[in-house]
Amino acid sequence: MNTYIEATPPGPRAQADRSAIVGWGADLDHAQRPAYPMERTPPRLHGVHWDQPSAQPQTVEVLQSTERPGMTPVFGTTLPPSGLSGSLRRLAFKASENDVRRWLLLMLADRIDVLEGLLSDVLKGHVPNVLAEMGAKAEWQHNRAGLIRKLLALAALAVLAKLIAKTFR
């Protein structure tokens, strides 16, 4: 039989008079809460031989938040950081999680990772069908104006890149 964690008694703040707050306590009656029969704390695990799972062996570089004191027991290893995008990720993970620069660097690293993947495909002799992979057919069917704007912006960037390249020759 499962044992469920009992609800903790309310603290001193819960004892304050809340009758002046409009709508307070509207969900206290369990009959008024449609999800109530399913709302319960999961049972504690009985007979488990560990307090914390044994750590997964670290075979690749794993980036870790500055807010976490140690490695979590289980982590992903499918795509270790590499290349320019990996360098940006390493730099981003030095910043705090509440720093906007961290998230902007991670988003930039994602975009650069896409370009690195395309370059890797081309170097291996596989020419990717970028338009199909990015959903151009669906975009044409459902958001034609947006696709045209994107293509015009891409063309403008290509012209700008050509002008910059011509300037440096």
Protein backbone atom coordinates (compact mmCIF):
# COMPACT_ATOMS: atom_id res chain seq x y z
CA MET A 1 0.00 0.00 0.00
CA ASN A 2 1.32 3.46 -0.89
CA THR A 3 1.91 6.04 1.80
CA TYR A 4 1.28 9.64 0.78
CA ILE A 5 2.83 12.70 2.34
CA GLU A 6 0.28 14.36 4.57
CA ALA A 7 -0.49 18.04 4.06
CA THR A 8 1.56 20.23 6.36
CA PRO A 9 -0.41 22.39 8.78
CA PRO A 10 -0.83 26.00 7.69
CA GLY A 11 1.68 28.50 9.04
CA PRO A 12 0.90 31.77 10.84
CA ARG A 13 0.31 33.69 7.59
CA ALA A 14 -2.40 31.21 6.62
CA GLN A 15 -4.24 32.00 9.86
CA ALA A 16 -4.76 35.68 8.86
CA ASP A 17 -8.23 36.88 7.92
CA ARG A 18 -8.58 36.79 4.15
CA SER A 19 -12.33 37.42 3.96
CA ALA A 20 -11.69 40.92 2.52
CA ILE A 21 -9.92 39.43 -0.52
CA VAL A 22 -12.43 38.90 -3.33
CA GLY A 23 -12.44 35.30 -4.49
CA TRP A 24 -10.07 34.03 -1.81
CA GLY A 25 -10.73 30.42 -0.90
CA ALA A 26 -12.86 29.72 -3.98
CA ASP A 27 -10.95 26.50 -4.59
CA LEU A 28 -10.95 25.25 -1.00
CA ASP A 29 -14.05 23.14 -1.52
CA HIS A 30 -12.77 19.97 -3.20
CA ALA A 31 -16.12 19.44 -4.91
CA GLN A 32 -15.49 22.67 -6.86
CA ARG A 33 -12.10 21.49 -8.14
CA PRO A 34 -12.43 19.18 -11.16
CA ALA A 35 -8.87 17.86 -10.88
CA TYR A 36 -9.11 17.10 -7.16
CA PRO A 37 -9.38 13.31 -7.33
CA MET A 38 -6.08 13.26 -9.23
CA GLU A 39 -4.34 15.84 -7.03
CA ARG A 40 -2.12 14.06 -4.57
CA THR A 41 1.52 13.93 -3.68
CA PRO A 42 3.32 10.93 -5.21
CA PRO A 43 4.12 8.12 -2.82
CA ARG A 44 7.54 7.88 -1.26
CA LEU A 45 9.67 5.05 -2.56
CA HIS A 46 10.03 2.26 0.01
CA GLY A 47 12.91 -0.17 0.02
CA VAL A 48 15.20 1.96 -2.14
CA HIS A 49 18.86 1.21 -1.40
CA TRP A 50 20.13 4.74 -2.14
CA ASP A 51 19.49 8.30 -1.00
CA GLN A 52 20.72 9.64 -4.32
CA PRO A 53 21.21 7.65 -7.53
CA SER A 54 24.77 6.71 -8.43
CA ALA A 55 26.42 9.25 -10.72
CA GLN A 56 26.54 8.69 -14.46
CA PRO A 57 30.14 8.48 -15.71
CA GLN A 58 31.22 11.72 -17.37
CA THR A 59 32.84 10.82 -20.70
CA VAL A 60 32.38 14.16 -22.48
CA GLU A 61 32.44 17.81 -21.47
CA VAL A 62 29.21 18.75 -19.71
CA LEU A 63 28.44 22.41 -19.15
CA GLN A 64 27.14 23.20 -15.69
CA SER A 65 25.22 26.14 -14.26
CA THR A 66 26.98 28.44 -11.81
CA GLU A 67 23.97 28.12 -9.49
CA ARG A 68 24.38 24.33 -9.12
CA PRO A 69 26.96 23.18 -6.60
CA GLY A 70 27.73 19.84 -8.28
CA MET A 71 26.86 17.63 -11.20
CA THR A 72 23.43 16.09 -11.31
CA PRO A 73 23.47 12.29 -11.19
CA VAL A 74 22.15 12.03 -14.77
CA PHE A 75 22.85 14.38 -17.68
CA GLY A 76 22.78 14.46 -21.47
CA THR A 77 25.89 13.60 -23.47
CA THR A 78 24.58 13.38 -27.02
CA LEU A 79 26.00 16.69 -28.21
CA PRO A 80 29.04 17.96 -26.31
CA PRO A 81 30.01 21.58 -27.02
CA SER A 82 32.39 22.00 -29.96
CA GLY A 83 33.47 24.65 -32.42
CA LEU A 84 32.51 28.30 -32.22
CA SER A 85 29.05 27.46 -30.87
CA GLY A 86 30.67 25.41 -28.07
CA SER A 87 32.95 28.31 -27.18
CA LEU A 88 29.93 30.61 -26.97
CA ARG A 89 28.12 28.07 -24.78
CA ARG A 90 31.13 27.83 -22.43
CA LEU A 91 31.17 31.61 -22.19
CA ALA A 92 27.42 31.71 -21.55
CA PHE A 93 27.63 29.12 -18.77
CA LYS A 94 30.05 31.36 -16.87
CA ALA A 95 27.20 33.87 -16.40
CA SER A 96 24.35 33.53 -13.95
CA GLU A 97 21.04 32.09 -15.08
CA ASN A 98 19.29 35.39 -14.43
CA ASP A 99 21.68 37.29 -16.71
CA VAL A 100 20.14 38.09 -20.09
CA ARG A 101 23.57 37.90 -21.73
CA ARG A 102 23.71 34.19 -20.90
CA TRP A 103 20.48 33.46 -22.77
CA LEU A 104 21.37 35.69 -25.71
CA LEU A 105 24.71 33.91 -26.04
CA LEU A 106 22.98 30.52 -25.89
CA MET A 107 20.52 31.58 -28.61
CA LEU A 108 23.39 32.87 -30.76
CA ALA A 109 25.25 29.60 -30.17
CA ASP A 110 22.17 27.68 -31.39
CA ARG A 111 22.09 29.71 -34.62
CA ILE A 112 25.81 29.25 -35.18
CA ASP A 113 25.45 25.52 -34.47
CA VAL A 114 22.94 25.31 -37.34
CA LEU A 115 25.43 26.98 -39.69
CA GLU A 116 28.21 24.67 -38.46
CA GLY A 117 25.96 21.68 -39.16
CA LEU A 118 25.25 22.91 -42.69
CA LEU A 119 28.96 23.47 -43.31
CA SER A 120 29.74 20.00 -41.93
CA ASP A 121 27.15 18.45 -44.28
CA VAL A 122 28.63 20.25 -47.29
CA LEU A 123 32.18 19.22 -46.35
CA LYS A 124 31.03 15.58 -46.13
CA GLY A 125 29.61 15.83 -49.67
CA HIS A 126 25.94 15.99 -48.67
CA VAL A 127 24.09 19.04 -49.93
CA PRO A 128 21.21 19.64 -47.50
CA ASN A 129 17.79 20.63 -48.78
CA VAL A 130 17.58 23.66 -46.50
CA LEU A 131 14.23 24.91 -47.78
CA ALA A 132 12.51 21.56 -47.21
CA GLU A 133 14.16 21.09 -43.81
CA MET A 134 13.01 24.52 -42.68
CA GLY A 135 9.41 23.94 -43.78
CA ALA A 136 9.29 26.26 -46.79
CA LYS A 137 6.42 24.30 -48.39
CA ALA A 138 4.23 24.64 -45.30
CA GLU A 139 5.25 28.29 -44.96
CA TRP A 140 4.25 28.91 -48.59
CA GLN A 141 0.86 27.29 -47.99
CA HIS A 142 0.05 28.91 -44.64
CA ASN A 143 2.14 32.09 -44.35
CA ARG A 144 3.02 33.26 -47.84
CA ALA A 145 3.58 36.93 -46.88
CA GLY A 146 5.92 35.92 -44.06
CA LEU A 147 7.93 33.67 -46.36
CA ILE A 148 8.28 36.43 -48.95
CA ARG A 149 9.50 38.84 -46.23
CA LYS A 150 12.04 36.28 -45.05
CA LEU A 151 13.29 35.65 -48.59
CA LEU A 152 13.61 39.39 -49.24
CA ALA A 153 15.55 39.81 -45.98
CA LEU A 154 17.79 36.87 -46.96
CA ALA A 155 18.40 38.41 -50.38
CA ALA A 156 19.26 41.75 -48.77
CA LEU A 157 21.73 40.00 -46.47
CA ALA A 158 23.29 38.21 -49.43
CA VAL A 159 23.72 41.50 -51.32
CA LEU A 160 25.18 43.12 -48.20
CA ALA A 161 27.61 40.22 -47.72
CA LYS A 162 28.68 40.50 -51.36
CA LEU A 163 29.26 44.24 -51.00
CA ILE A 164 31.32 43.72 -47.85
CA ALA A 165 33.35 40.97 -49.54
CA LYS A 166 33.93 43.23 -52.57
CA THR A 167 35.12 46.04 -50.27
CA PHE A 168 37.77 43.82 -48.68
CA ARG A 169 39.22 42.61 -52.01
